[in-house]
Amino acid sequence: MLHSLGLLSSSFLLDGKTEQLRTFCRHRANLLHNAASTSKKMQKYLRLLNLRLDVVVNDVCGLTGLRIIRAICDGEANPQKLAALRHANCRKSEEEIAKALQSNGRTDYLFTLQQELDTYDHIQNKMMECDKMIALMLDEIINNDENKKQHHIDSKPHKRINKNTPKDIDLNLKSYQMFESTDLLAIEGMSHATVLAIMSEVGIEGIKKFPTAKHFCSWLRLAPNNKVSGGKVLSSKVPKGSNRLKIAFRNAANAIGNLKDSTPLRDFFQRINFRKGRVSAISATARKFGVIIWNMVVKNVQYINPEGYLFLDQKRKLGIVKRIQKQITKFGLTNEELGIITN
């Protein structure tokens, strides 16, 4: 009865293709979590073997780390030979690596290390299969729509692609086509993982279902829940609850806070961080992400550095100038009346 009268708002539901893409991406995220857990276990058994590989390399599952771990599992115990396997980009020298690889030779720990390495390789193979399914689903969504298929964008070599990014998928091009000429990667701090989360969790049709950016941010659980009684604000905390897209936006906001170069979003993050702390700054910047993305996708507005990100004194100055210009136009004042001398 209430539905027929329009008194109940509809729930947010994805279309069939986007829902399938979401299933693949969420499964891939679970595989990444399992791979990270396996990596920690390998690091544990390396320490028990008196091999402090984690001290000399940033990631034990990186290029240098995996080479050394595979050699250890194959029976190599010579520190100099193990250190010689370092990748050319490794910051530590062979001498420093060799000092950290003095093994005690415990066979039980070697066996468990080998088991965890096999598990890690198995997860990586599963992830590659999942990447292929994601690529097929993206191609199916884009190729069946001529409006999406016609768009093209140049690559962004400055955007870092880490080892957890899906392989053999040009997410820069796919996202540009998926959102019909909207370049989400133009936003500073936006990573390939965040773009993939947007494509799989809501998609272009999903974002367009929200009438305003405020509705979108409220669905993300990023908008403050103002409780007012008698004209007094009792509480303005962000409501509890989370979803994967909110987590992705918060991770992107955290990356914004770590930027060294001054950008509009970083300046916004630093102002909130100075007044309310980093946790509030992450939430506020994540909400700002939601507003920007909704306007880019729904209104087809390309990302620029808007006036809303200027420092407070700059905004006040700009507001004063605009008010003065309006008054001059309203009363039709001339240069002579204003006392402006022109040559």
C-alpha atoms as a PDB file:
ATOM      1  CA  MET A   1       0.000   0.000   0.000  1.00  0.00           C
ATOM      2  CA  LEU A   2       2.720   2.468   0.951  1.00  0.00           C
ATOM      3  CA  HIS A   3       4.686   1.556  -2.196  1.00  0.00           C
ATOM      4  CA  SER A   4       1.661   2.262  -4.398  1.00  0.00           C
ATOM      5  CA  LEU A   5       1.289   5.704  -2.821  1.00  0.00           C
ATOM      6  CA  GLY A   6       4.972   6.516  -3.248  1.00  0.00           C
ATOM      7  CA  LEU A   7       5.600   6.847   0.476  1.00  0.00           C
ATOM      8  CA  LEU A   8       8.519   4.392   0.538  1.00  0.00           C
ATOM      9  CA  SER A   9      11.796   5.249  -1.119  1.00  0.00           C
ATOM     10  CA  SER A  10      13.282   2.603  -3.364  1.00  0.00           C
ATOM     11  CA  SER A  11      16.419   0.679  -2.416  1.00  0.00           C
ATOM     12  CA  PHE A  12      19.606   1.070  -4.404  1.00  0.00           C
ATOM     13  CA  LEU A  13      20.041  -1.836  -6.816  1.00  0.00           C
ATOM     14  CA  LEU A  14      22.679  -2.346  -9.505  1.00  0.00           C
ATOM     15  CA  ASP A  15      22.017  -3.459 -13.042  1.00  0.00           C
ATOM     16  CA  GLY A  16      22.859  -7.068 -13.924  1.00  0.00           C
ATOM     17  CA  LYS A  17      26.213  -6.499 -15.648  1.00  0.00           C
ATOM     18  CA  THR A  18      27.548  -4.163 -12.967  1.00  0.00           C
ATOM     19  CA  GLU A  19      26.458  -6.624 -10.295  1.00  0.00           C
ATOM     20  CA  GLN A  20      28.472  -9.381 -11.978  1.00  0.00           C
ATOM     21  CA  LEU A  21      31.487  -7.063 -12.191  1.00  0.00           C
ATOM     22  CA  ARG A  22      31.056  -6.295  -8.487  1.00  0.00           C
ATOM     23  CA  THR A  23      31.132 -10.021  -7.668  1.00  0.00           C
ATOM     24  CA  PHE A  24      34.449 -10.487  -9.482  1.00  0.00           C
ATOM     25  CA  CYS A  25      36.016  -7.377  -7.920  1.00  0.00           C
ATOM     26  CA  ARG A  26      34.928  -8.301  -4.400  1.00  0.00           C
ATOM     27  CA  HIS A  27      36.289 -11.808  -4.860  1.00  0.00           C
ATOM     28  CA  ARG A  28      39.569 -10.297  -6.037  1.00  0.00           C
ATOM     29  CA  ALA A  29      39.671  -8.091  -2.935  1.00  0.00           C
ATOM     30  CA  ASN A  30      39.238 -11.191  -0.764  1.00  0.00           C
ATOM     31  CA  LEU A  31      42.106 -12.881  -2.613  1.00  0.00           C
ATOM     32  CA  LEU A  32      44.287  -9.821  -1.974  1.00  0.00           C
ATOM     33  CA  HIS A  33      43.449 -10.053   1.720  1.00  0.00           C
ATOM     34  CA  ASN A  34      44.425 -13.727   1.767  1.00  0.00           C
ATOM     35  CA  ALA A  35      47.678 -12.978  -0.065  1.00  0.00           C
ATOM     36  CA  ALA A  36      48.544 -10.303   2.499  1.00  0.00           C
ATOM     37  CA  SER A  37      47.865 -12.761   5.328  1.00  0.00           C
ATOM     38  CA  THR A  38      50.113 -15.354   3.677  1.00  0.00           C
ATOM     39  CA  SER A  39      52.835 -12.738   3.239  1.00  0.00           C
ATOM     40  CA  LYS A  40      52.770 -12.011   6.984  1.00  0.00           C
ATOM     41  CA  LYS A  41      53.117 -15.723   7.744  1.00  0.00           C
ATOM     42  CA  MET A  42      56.130 -16.012   5.444  1.00  0.00           C
ATOM     43  CA  GLN A  43      57.677 -13.042   7.204  1.00  0.00           C
ATOM     44  CA  LYS A  44      57.069 -14.770  10.545  1.00  0.00           C
ATOM     45  CA  TYR A  45      58.856 -17.973   9.508  1.00  0.00           C
ATOM     46  CA  LEU A  46      61.717 -15.978   8.009  1.00  0.00           C
ATOM     47  CA  ARG A  47      62.265 -14.318  11.392  1.00  0.00           C
ATOM     48  CA  LEU A  48      62.176 -17.711  13.120  1.00  0.00           C
ATOM     49  CA  LEU A  49      64.868 -18.828  10.688  1.00  0.00           C
ATOM     50  CA  ASN A  50      66.899 -15.767  11.786  1.00  0.00           C
ATOM     51  CA  LEU A  51      66.472 -14.311   8.278  1.00  0.00           C
ATOM     52  CA  ARG A  52      65.639 -10.616   8.699  1.00  0.00           C
ATOM     53  CA  LEU A  53      64.627 -10.060   5.105  1.00  0.00           C
ATOM     54  CA  ASP A  54      61.978  -7.576   6.252  1.00  0.00           C
ATOM     55  CA  VAL A  55      64.748  -5.270   7.532  1.00  0.00           C
ATOM     56  CA  VAL A  56      66.570  -4.915   4.207  1.00  0.00           C
ATOM     57  CA  VAL A  57      63.598  -4.880   1.781  1.00  0.00           C
ATOM     58  CA  ASN A  58      60.359  -2.922   1.971  1.00  0.00           C
ATOM     59  CA  ASP A  59      58.207  -5.834   0.788  1.00  0.00           C
ATOM     60  CA  VAL A  60      59.151  -9.475   1.325  1.00  0.00           C
ATOM     61  CA  CYS A  61      56.847 -10.360  -1.601  1.00  0.00           C
ATOM     62  CA  GLY A  62      58.476  -7.860  -3.949  1.00  0.00           C
ATOM     63  CA  LEU A  63      60.917  -8.718  -6.730  1.00  0.00           C
ATOM     64  CA  THR A  64      63.957  -9.063  -4.464  1.00  0.00           C
ATOM     65  CA  GLY A  65      62.070 -10.715  -1.614  1.00  0.00           C
ATOM     66  CA  LEU A  66      60.431 -13.461  -3.669  1.00  0.00           C
ATOM     67  CA  ARG A  67      63.688 -14.290  -5.441  1.00  0.00           C
ATOM     68  CA  ILE A  68      65.439 -14.798  -2.121  1.00  0.00           C
ATOM     69  CA  ILE A  69      62.547 -16.743  -0.556  1.00  0.00           C
ATOM     70  CA  ARG A  70      62.379 -19.138  -3.528  1.00  0.00           C
ATOM     71  CA  ALA A  71      66.126 -19.705  -3.315  1.00  0.00           C
ATOM     72  CA  ILE A  72      65.859 -20.411   0.439  1.00  0.00           C
ATOM     73  CA  CYS A  73      63.065 -22.935  -0.180  1.00  0.00           C
ATOM     74  CA  ASP A  74      65.240 -24.593  -2.854  1.00  0.00           C
ATOM     75  CA  GLY A  75      67.914 -25.195  -0.224  1.00  0.00           C
ATOM     76  CA  GLU A  76      70.276 -22.238  -0.695  1.00  0.00           C
ATOM     77  CA  ALA A  77      71.749 -21.060   2.623  1.00  0.00           C
ATOM     78  CA  ASN A  78      74.796 -19.033   1.537  1.00  0.00           C
ATOM     79  CA  PRO A  79      74.119 -15.379   2.473  1.00  0.00           C
ATOM     80  CA  GLN A  80      76.330 -14.010  -0.324  1.00  0.00           C
ATOM     81  CA  LYS A  81      74.549 -16.065  -2.988  1.00  0.00           C
ATOM     82  CA  LEU A  82      71.169 -15.052  -1.611  1.00  0.00           C
ATOM     83  CA  ALA A  83      72.159 -11.371  -1.538  1.00  0.00           C
ATOM     84  CA  ALA A  84      73.311 -11.602  -5.161  1.00  0.00           C
ATOM     85  CA  LEU A  85      69.655 -12.164  -6.134  1.00  0.00           C
ATOM     86  CA  ARG A  86      68.727  -8.580  -5.236  1.00  0.00           C
ATOM     87  CA  HIS A  87      66.936  -6.555  -7.877  1.00  0.00           C
ATOM     88  CA  ALA A  88      68.763  -3.576  -9.352  1.00  0.00           C
ATOM     89  CA  ASN A  89      66.207  -1.177  -7.835  1.00  0.00           C
ATOM     90  CA  CYS A  90      66.790  -2.429  -4.284  1.00  0.00           C
ATOM     91  CA  ARG A  91      68.231   0.328  -2.090  1.00  0.00           C
ATOM     92  CA  LYS A  92      70.284  -1.958   0.125  1.00  0.00           C
ATOM     93  CA  SER A  93      73.641  -3.275  -1.070  1.00  0.00           C
ATOM     94  CA  GLU A  94      74.552  -6.973  -1.285  1.00  0.00           C
ATOM     95  CA  GLU A  95      76.740  -6.652   1.812  1.00  0.00           C
ATOM     96  CA  GLU A  96      73.863  -5.239   3.887  1.00  0.00           C
ATOM     97  CA  ILE A  97      71.465  -7.929   2.652  1.00  0.00           C
ATOM     98  CA  ALA A  98      73.983 -10.713   3.342  1.00  0.00           C
ATOM     99  CA  LYS A  99      74.360  -9.613   6.974  1.00  0.00           C
ATOM    100  CA  ALA A 100      70.594 -10.007   7.473  1.00  0.00           C
ATOM    101  CA  LEU A 101      70.473 -13.519   5.993  1.00  0.00           C
ATOM    102  CA  GLN A 102      72.354 -15.636   8.529  1.00  0.00           C
ATOM    103  CA  SER A 103      70.060 -18.683   8.765  1.00  0.00           C
ATOM    104  CA  ASN A 104      69.874 -21.157  11.664  1.00  0.00           C
ATOM    105  CA  GLY A 105      68.832 -23.933   9.250  1.00  0.00           C
ATOM    106  CA  ARG A 106      65.720 -25.177  11.134  1.00  0.00           C
ATOM    107  CA  THR A 107      64.066 -27.737   8.832  1.00  0.00           C
ATOM    108  CA  ASP A 108      60.610 -27.371  10.414  1.00  0.00           C
ATOM    109  CA  TYR A 109      60.533 -23.650   9.671  1.00  0.00           C
ATOM    110  CA  LEU A 110      61.856 -24.255   6.152  1.00  0.00           C
ATOM    111  CA  PHE A 111      58.991 -26.686   5.538  1.00  0.00           C
ATOM    112  CA  THR A 112      56.321 -24.237   6.752  1.00  0.00           C
ATOM    113  CA  LEU A 113      57.918 -21.430   4.726  1.00  0.00           C
ATOM    114  CA  GLN A 114      57.695 -23.596   1.604  1.00  0.00           C
ATOM    115  CA  GLN A 115      54.043 -24.339   2.355  1.00  0.00           C
ATOM    116  CA  GLU A 116      53.196 -20.647   2.706  1.00  0.00           C
ATOM    117  CA  LEU A 117      55.081 -19.841  -0.503  1.00  0.00           C
ATOM    118  CA  ASP A 118      53.023 -22.461  -2.362  1.00  0.00           C
ATOM    119  CA  THR A 119      49.850 -20.933  -0.921  1.00  0.00           C
ATOM    120  CA  TYR A 120      50.956 -17.468  -2.010  1.00  0.00           C
ATOM    121  CA  ASP A 121      51.657 -18.661  -5.567  1.00  0.00           C
ATOM    122  CA  HIS A 122      48.282 -20.424  -5.660  1.00  0.00           C
ATOM    123  CA  ILE A 123      46.492 -17.220  -4.623  1.00  0.00           C
ATOM    124  CA  GLN A 124      48.378 -15.233  -7.255  1.00  0.00           C
ATOM    125  CA  ASN A 125      47.277 -17.693  -9.946  1.00  0.00           C
ATOM    126  CA  LYS A 126      43.676 -17.390  -8.769  1.00  0.00           C
ATOM    127  CA  MET A 127      44.000 -13.609  -8.902  1.00  0.00           C
ATOM    128  CA  MET A 128      45.234 -13.741 -12.498  1.00  0.00           C
ATOM    129  CA  GLU A 129      42.193 -15.814 -13.455  1.00  0.00           C
ATOM    130  CA  CYS A 130      39.955 -13.303 -11.687  1.00  0.00           C
ATOM    131  CA  ASP A 131      41.647 -10.432 -13.580  1.00  0.00           C
ATOM    132  CA  LYS A 132      40.770 -12.135 -16.867  1.00  0.00           C
ATOM    133  CA  MET A 133      37.104 -12.350 -15.846  1.00  0.00           C
ATOM    134  CA  ILE A 134      37.103  -8.675 -14.840  1.00  0.00           C
ATOM    135  CA  ALA A 135      38.610  -7.721 -18.206  1.00  0.00           C
ATOM    136  CA  LEU A 136      35.991  -9.776 -20.074  1.00  0.00           C
ATOM    137  CA  MET A 137      33.145  -8.218 -18.100  1.00  0.00           C
ATOM    138  CA  LEU A 138      34.448  -4.679 -18.686  1.00  0.00           C
ATOM    139  CA  ASP A 139      34.746  -5.377 -22.424  1.00  0.00           C
ATOM    140  CA  GLU A 140      31.211  -6.764 -22.485  1.00  0.00           C
ATOM    141  CA  ILE A 141      29.762  -3.705 -20.734  1.00  0.00           C
ATOM    142  CA  ILE A 142      31.644  -1.211 -22.922  1.00  0.00           C
ATOM    143  CA  ASN A 143      31.421  -2.952 -26.311  1.00  0.00           C
ATOM    144  CA  ASN A 144      27.642  -3.353 -26.055  1.00  0.00           C
ATOM    145  CA  ASP A 145      27.199   0.417 -25.776  1.00  0.00           C
ATOM    146  CA  GLU A 146      28.230   2.533 -28.768  1.00  0.00           C
ATOM    147  CA  ASN A 147      28.287   5.705 -26.663  1.00  0.00           C
ATOM    148  CA  LYS A 148      30.879   4.180 -24.329  1.00  0.00           C
ATOM    149  CA  LYS A 149      32.844   2.435 -27.055  1.00  0.00           C
ATOM    150  CA  GLN A 150      33.628   5.585 -29.062  1.00  0.00           C
ATOM    151  CA  HIS A 151      35.646   7.386 -26.372  1.00  0.00           C
ATOM    152  CA  HIS A 152      39.427   7.314 -26.159  1.00  0.00           C
ATOM    153  CA  ILE A 153      42.011   8.902 -23.839  1.00  0.00           C
ATOM    154  CA  ASP A 154      45.792   9.002 -23.747  1.00  0.00           C
ATOM    155  CA  SER A 155      47.663   7.016 -21.136  1.00  0.00           C
ATOM    156  CA  LYS A 156      48.833   8.551 -17.858  1.00  0.00           C
ATOM    157  CA  PRO A 157      52.434   7.426 -17.286  1.00  0.00           C
ATOM    158  CA  HIS A 158      52.635   9.518 -14.102  1.00  0.00           C
ATOM    159  CA  LYS A 159      49.974   7.368 -12.411  1.00  0.00           C
ATOM    160  CA  ARG A 160      51.730   4.683 -10.419  1.00  0.00           C
ATOM    161  CA  ILE A 161      50.678   1.088 -11.069  1.00  0.00           C
ATOM    162  CA  ASN A 162      51.537  -1.118  -8.093  1.00  0.00           C
ATOM    163  CA  LYS A 163      51.692  -4.900  -7.964  1.00  0.00           C
ATOM    164  CA  ASN A 164      48.107  -5.201  -6.670  1.00  0.00           C
ATOM    165  CA  THR A 165      46.629  -3.452  -9.722  1.00  0.00           C
ATOM    166  CA  PRO A 166      44.850  -5.831 -12.146  1.00  0.00           C
ATOM    167  CA  LYS A 167      47.225  -6.961 -14.850  1.00  0.00           C
ATOM    168  CA  ASP A 168      46.655  -6.425 -18.598  1.00  0.00           C
ATOM    169  CA  ILE A 169      43.728  -4.025 -17.996  1.00  0.00           C
ATOM    170  CA  ASP A 170      44.009  -0.377 -19.046  1.00  0.00           C
ATOM    171  CA  LEU A 171      41.841   1.022 -16.253  1.00  0.00           C
ATOM    172  CA  ASN A 172      42.551   4.570 -17.422  1.00  0.00           C
ATOM    173  CA  LEU A 173      40.867   3.848 -20.773  1.00  0.00           C
ATOM    174  CA  LYS A 174      38.182   1.527 -19.379  1.00  0.00           C
ATOM    175  CA  SER A 175      37.031   4.022 -16.757  1.00  0.00           C
ATOM    176  CA  TYR A 176      36.995   6.841 -19.334  1.00  0.00           C
ATOM    177  CA  GLN A 177      34.783   4.724 -21.577  1.00  0.00           C
ATOM    178  CA  MET A 178      32.628   3.374 -18.748  1.00  0.00           C
ATOM    179  CA  PHE A 179      31.778   6.882 -17.483  1.00  0.00           C
ATOM    180  CA  GLU A 180      31.381   8.303 -21.014  1.00  0.00           C
ATOM    181  CA  SER A 181      34.305  10.745 -21.347  1.00  0.00           C
ATOM    182  CA  THR A 182      34.636  11.461 -17.606  1.00  0.00           C
ATOM    183  CA  ASP A 183      38.293  11.313 -16.555  1.00  0.00           C
ATOM    184  CA  LEU A 184      38.179  10.261 -12.893  1.00  0.00           C
ATOM    185  CA  LEU A 185      41.936   9.698 -12.768  1.00  0.00           C
ATOM    186  CA  ALA A 186      42.431  13.429 -13.298  1.00  0.00           C
ATOM    187  CA  ILE A 187      41.660  13.861  -9.583  1.00  0.00           C
ATOM    188  CA  GLU A 188      44.821  13.874  -7.491  1.00  0.00           C
ATOM    189  CA  GLY A 189      45.017  10.907  -5.148  1.00  0.00           C
ATOM    190  CA  MET A 190      42.708   8.804  -7.322  1.00  0.00           C
ATOM    191  CA  SER A 191      44.271   5.372  -7.893  1.00  0.00           C
ATOM    192  CA  HIS A 192      43.383   2.554 -10.268  1.00  0.00           C
ATOM    193  CA  ALA A 193      42.001   0.534  -7.362  1.00  0.00           C
ATOM    194  CA  THR A 194      39.644   3.379  -6.389  1.00  0.00           C
ATOM    195  CA  VAL A 195      38.430   3.757  -9.969  1.00  0.00           C
ATOM    196  CA  LEU A 196      37.787   0.012 -10.206  1.00  0.00           C
ATOM    197  CA  ALA A 197      35.813   0.184  -6.944  1.00  0.00           C
ATOM    198  CA  ILE A 198      33.629   2.977  -8.357  1.00  0.00           C
ATOM    199  CA  MET A 199      32.983   1.029 -11.557  1.00  0.00           C
ATOM    200  CA  SER A 200      32.059  -2.169  -9.723  1.00  0.00           C
ATOM    201  CA  GLU A 201      30.196  -0.824  -6.680  1.00  0.00           C
ATOM    202  CA  VAL A 202      27.924   1.761  -8.358  1.00  0.00           C
ATOM    203  CA  GLY A 203      28.764   2.285 -12.036  1.00  0.00           C
ATOM    204  CA  ILE A 204      27.553   5.213 -14.109  1.00  0.00           C
ATOM    205  CA  GLU A 205      23.875   4.264 -13.949  1.00  0.00           C
ATOM    206  CA  GLY A 206      24.082   3.737 -10.207  1.00  0.00           C
ATOM    207  CA  ILE A 207      25.535   7.209  -9.549  1.00  0.00           C
ATOM    208  CA  LYS A 208      22.850   8.799 -11.733  1.00  0.00           C
ATOM    209  CA  LYS A 209      20.142   7.276  -9.519  1.00  0.00           C
ATOM    210  CA  PHE A 210      21.043   9.729  -6.750  1.00  0.00           C
ATOM    211  CA  PRO A 211      19.274  13.079  -7.354  1.00  0.00           C
ATOM    212  CA  THR A 212      21.980  15.180  -5.671  1.00  0.00           C
ATOM    213  CA  ALA A 213      25.552  14.843  -4.455  1.00  0.00           C
ATOM    214  CA  LYS A 214      24.222  15.037  -0.880  1.00  0.00           C
ATOM    215  CA  HIS A 215      22.096  11.934  -1.459  1.00  0.00           C
ATOM    216  CA  PHE A 216      25.139  10.125  -2.836  1.00  0.00           C
ATOM    217  CA  CYS A 217      27.321  11.078   0.144  1.00  0.00           C
ATOM    218  CA  SER A 218      24.544  10.123   2.549  1.00  0.00           C
ATOM    219  CA  TRP A 219      24.345   6.674   0.953  1.00  0.00           C
ATOM    220  CA  LEU A 220      28.114   6.390   1.350  1.00  0.00           C
ATOM    221  CA  ARG A 221      27.724   7.157   5.073  1.00  0.00           C
ATOM    222  CA  LEU A 222      30.035  10.154   4.690  1.00  0.00           C
ATOM    223  CA  ALA A 223      27.542  12.971   5.344  1.00  0.00           C
ATOM    224  CA  PRO A 224      27.108  14.269   8.920  1.00  0.00           C
ATOM    225  CA  ASN A 225      23.892  13.179  10.616  1.00  0.00           C
ATOM    226  CA  ASN A 226      22.683  16.427  12.175  1.00  0.00           C
ATOM    227  CA  LYS A 227      20.361  15.969  15.154  1.00  0.00           C
ATOM    228  CA  VAL A 228      18.587  19.247  15.921  1.00  0.00           C
ATOM    229  CA  SER A 229      16.153  19.947  18.753  1.00  0.00           C
ATOM    230  CA  GLY A 230      14.725  23.364  19.487  1.00  0.00           C
ATOM    231  CA  GLY A 231      17.053  24.981  16.978  1.00  0.00           C
ATOM    232  CA  LYS A 232      20.116  23.576  18.755  1.00  0.00           C
ATOM    233  CA  VAL A 233      22.443  21.061  17.103  1.00  0.00           C
ATOM    234  CA  LEU A 234      22.763  18.138  19.506  1.00  0.00           C
ATOM    235  CA  SER A 235      25.040  16.010  17.358  1.00  0.00           C
ATOM    236  CA  SER A 236      26.620  16.173  13.902  1.00  0.00           C
ATOM    237  CA  LYS A 237      28.606  12.958  13.799  1.00  0.00           C
ATOM    238  CA  VAL A 238      28.947  10.813  10.701  1.00  0.00           C
ATOM    239  CA  PRO A 239      26.524   7.871  11.118  1.00  0.00           C
ATOM    240  CA  LYS A 240      27.833   4.376  11.685  1.00  0.00           C
ATOM    241  CA  GLY A 241      27.991   1.925   8.824  1.00  0.00           C
ATOM    242  CA  SER A 242      30.334   1.344   5.952  1.00  0.00           C
ATOM    243  CA  ASN A 243      30.606  -0.093   2.476  1.00  0.00           C
ATOM    244  CA  ARG A 244      33.467  -0.918   0.145  1.00  0.00           C
ATOM    245  CA  LEU A 245      33.192   2.317  -1.799  1.00  0.00           C
ATOM    246  CA  LYS A 246      33.382   4.368   1.402  1.00  0.00           C
ATOM    247  CA  ILE A 247      36.535   2.452   2.360  1.00  0.00           C
ATOM    248  CA  ALA A 248      38.013   3.137  -1.100  1.00  0.00           C
ATOM    249  CA  PHE A 249      37.279   6.870  -0.785  1.00  0.00           C
ATOM    250  CA  ARG A 250      38.809   6.983   2.695  1.00  0.00           C
ATOM    251  CA  ASN A 251      41.947   5.244   1.410  1.00  0.00           C
ATOM    252  CA  ALA A 252      42.176   7.793  -1.405  1.00  0.00           C
ATOM    253  CA  ALA A 253      41.700  10.626   1.113  1.00  0.00           C
ATOM    254  CA  ASN A 254      44.480   9.194   3.265  1.00  0.00           C
ATOM    255  CA  ALA A 255      46.738   9.165   0.202  1.00  0.00           C
ATOM    256  CA  ILE A 256      45.848  12.824  -0.388  1.00  0.00           C
ATOM    257  CA  GLY A 257      47.060  13.636   3.119  1.00  0.00           C
ATOM    258  CA  ASN A 258      50.429  12.015   2.359  1.00  0.00           C
ATOM    259  CA  LEU A 259      51.101  14.127  -0.747  1.00  0.00           C
ATOM    260  CA  LYS A 260      54.133  16.395  -0.507  1.00  0.00           C
ATOM    261  CA  ASP A 261      53.157  18.811  -3.273  1.00  0.00           C
ATOM    262  CA  SER A 262      50.505  21.426  -2.601  1.00  0.00           C
ATOM    263  CA  THR A 263      47.211  20.660  -4.361  1.00  0.00           C
ATOM    264  CA  PRO A 264      43.669  21.924  -3.685  1.00  0.00           C
ATOM    265  CA  LEU A 265      42.530  18.666  -2.093  1.00  0.00           C
ATOM    266  CA  ARG A 266      45.721  18.339  -0.050  1.00  0.00           C
ATOM    267  CA  ASP A 267      45.315  21.910   1.216  1.00  0.00           C
ATOM    268  CA  PHE A 268      41.727  21.122   2.175  1.00  0.00           C
ATOM    269  CA  PHE A 269      42.919  17.980   3.994  1.00  0.00           C
ATOM    270  CA  GLN A 270      45.599  19.890   5.895  1.00  0.00           C
ATOM    271  CA  ARG A 271      43.165  22.589   7.053  1.00  0.00           C
ATOM    272  CA  ILE A 272      40.752  20.022   8.504  1.00  0.00           C
ATOM    273  CA  ASN A 273      43.670  18.050   9.934  1.00  0.00           C
ATOM    274  CA  PHE A 274      44.982  21.142  11.740  1.00  0.00           C
ATOM    275  CA  ARG A 275      41.595  21.940  13.319  1.00  0.00           C
ATOM    276  CA  LYS A 276      40.027  18.513  14.001  1.00  0.00           C
ATOM    277  CA  GLY A 277      42.676  15.832  13.496  1.00  0.00           C
ATOM    278  CA  ARG A 278      43.517  13.315  10.805  1.00  0.00           C
ATOM    279  CA  VAL A 279      40.476  11.054  11.276  1.00  0.00           C
ATOM    280  CA  SER A 280      38.073  13.934  10.647  1.00  0.00           C
ATOM    281  CA  ALA A 281      40.223  15.137   7.743  1.00  0.00           C
ATOM    282  CA  ILE A 282      40.008  11.716   6.079  1.00  0.00           C
ATOM    283  CA  SER A 283      36.212  11.640   6.433  1.00  0.00           C
ATOM    284  CA  ALA A 284      35.813  15.207   5.153  1.00  0.00           C
ATOM    285  CA  THR A 285      38.100  14.623   2.165  1.00  0.00           C
ATOM    286  CA  ALA A 286      36.350  11.334   1.367  1.00  0.00           C
ATOM    287  CA  ARG A 287      33.036  13.191   1.315  1.00  0.00           C
ATOM    288  CA  LYS A 288      34.637  15.810  -0.955  1.00  0.00           C
ATOM    289  CA  PHE A 289      35.591  12.943  -3.284  1.00  0.00           C
ATOM    290  CA  GLY A 290      31.965  11.840  -3.398  1.00  0.00           C
ATOM    291  CA  VAL A 291      30.728  15.343  -4.266  1.00  0.00           C
ATOM    292  CA  ILE A 292      33.367  15.814  -6.985  1.00  0.00           C
ATOM    293  CA  ILE A 293      32.723  12.421  -8.585  1.00  0.00           C
ATOM    294  CA  TRP A 294      28.923  12.877  -8.563  1.00  0.00           C
ATOM    295  CA  ASN A 295      29.250  16.247 -10.316  1.00  0.00           C
ATOM    296  CA  MET A 296      31.727  14.867 -12.839  1.00  0.00           C
ATOM    297  CA  VAL A 297      29.593  11.857 -13.754  1.00  0.00           C
ATOM    298  CA  VAL A 298      26.049  13.283 -13.534  1.00  0.00           C
ATOM    299  CA  LYS A 299      26.671  16.868 -14.690  1.00  0.00           C
ATOM    300  CA  ASN A 300      29.590  15.943 -16.978  1.00  0.00           C
ATOM    301  CA  VAL A 301      31.787  18.573 -15.332  1.00  0.00           C
ATOM    302  CA  GLN A 302      35.518  18.033 -15.790  1.00  0.00           C
ATOM    303  CA  TYR A 303      37.671  18.273 -12.686  1.00  0.00           C
ATOM    304  CA  ILE A 304      39.280  21.666 -12.109  1.00  0.00           C
ATOM    305  CA  ASN A 305      40.635  23.471  -9.053  1.00  0.00           C
ATOM    306  CA  PRO A 306      37.436  25.148  -7.799  1.00  0.00           C
ATOM    307  CA  GLU A 307      37.271  28.235  -5.615  1.00  0.00           C
ATOM    308  CA  GLY A 308      35.866  26.203  -2.734  1.00  0.00           C
ATOM    309  CA  TYR A 309      39.328  24.778  -2.041  1.00  0.00           C
ATOM    310  CA  LEU A 310      41.034  28.146  -1.553  1.00  0.00           C
ATOM    311  CA  PHE A 311      42.324  29.138   1.840  1.00  0.00           C
ATOM    312  CA  LEU A 312      39.877  30.970   4.099  1.00  0.00           C
ATOM    313  CA  ASP A 313      41.547  34.371   3.732  1.00  0.00           C
ATOM    314  CA  GLN A 314      41.591  33.979  -0.053  1.00  0.00           C
ATOM    315  CA  LYS A 315      37.878  33.124  -0.095  1.00  0.00           C
ATOM    316  CA  ARG A 316      37.065  36.150   2.072  1.00  0.00           C
ATOM    317  CA  LYS A 317      39.058  38.416  -0.222  1.00  0.00           C
ATOM    318  CA  LEU A 318      37.346  36.997  -3.283  1.00  0.00           C
ATOM    319  CA  GLY A 319      33.923  37.434  -1.654  1.00  0.00           C
ATOM    320  CA  ILE A 320      34.634  41.076  -0.789  1.00  0.00           C
ATOM    321  CA  VAL A 321      35.762  41.811  -4.352  1.00  0.00           C
ATOM    322  CA  LYS A 322      32.593  40.259  -5.777  1.00  0.00           C
ATOM    323  CA  ARG A 323      30.350  42.243  -3.430  1.00  0.00           C
ATOM    324  CA  ILE A 324      32.109  45.508  -4.353  1.00  0.00           C
ATOM    325  CA  GLN A 325      31.741  44.723  -8.066  1.00  0.00           C
ATOM    326  CA  LYS A 326      28.005  44.093  -7.600  1.00  0.00           C
ATOM    327  CA  GLN A 327      27.570  47.420  -5.786  1.00  0.00           C
ATOM    328  CA  ILE A 328      29.447  49.285  -8.518  1.00  0.00           C
ATOM    329  CA  THR A 329      27.257  47.693 -11.182  1.00  0.00           C
ATOM    330  CA  LYS A 330      24.056  48.283  -9.180  1.00  0.00           C
ATOM    331  CA  PHE A 331      24.599  52.015  -8.692  1.00  0.00           C
ATOM    332  CA  GLY A 332      26.333  52.569 -12.059  1.00  0.00           C
ATOM    333  CA  LEU A 333      29.356  54.263 -10.530  1.00  0.00           C
ATOM    334  CA  THR A 334      31.999  55.673 -12.867  1.00  0.00           C
ATOM    335  CA  ASN A 335      35.769  55.858 -12.471  1.00  0.00           C
ATOM    336  CA  GLU A 336      35.566  59.568 -11.642  1.00  0.00           C
ATOM    337  CA  GLU A 337      33.022  58.965  -8.879  1.00  0.00           C
ATOM    338  CA  LEU A 338      35.171  56.199  -7.445  1.00  0.00           C
ATOM    339  CA  GLY A 339      38.256  58.397  -7.574  1.00  0.00           C
ATOM    340  CA  ILE A 340      40.084  56.116 -10.022  1.00  0.00           C
ATOM    341  CA  ILE A 341      42.564  58.017 -12.160  1.00  0.00           C
ATOM    342  CA  THR A 342      43.175  56.535 -15.606  1.00  0.00           C
ATOM    343  CA  ASN A 343      45.835  57.663 -18.037  1.00  0.00           C
END
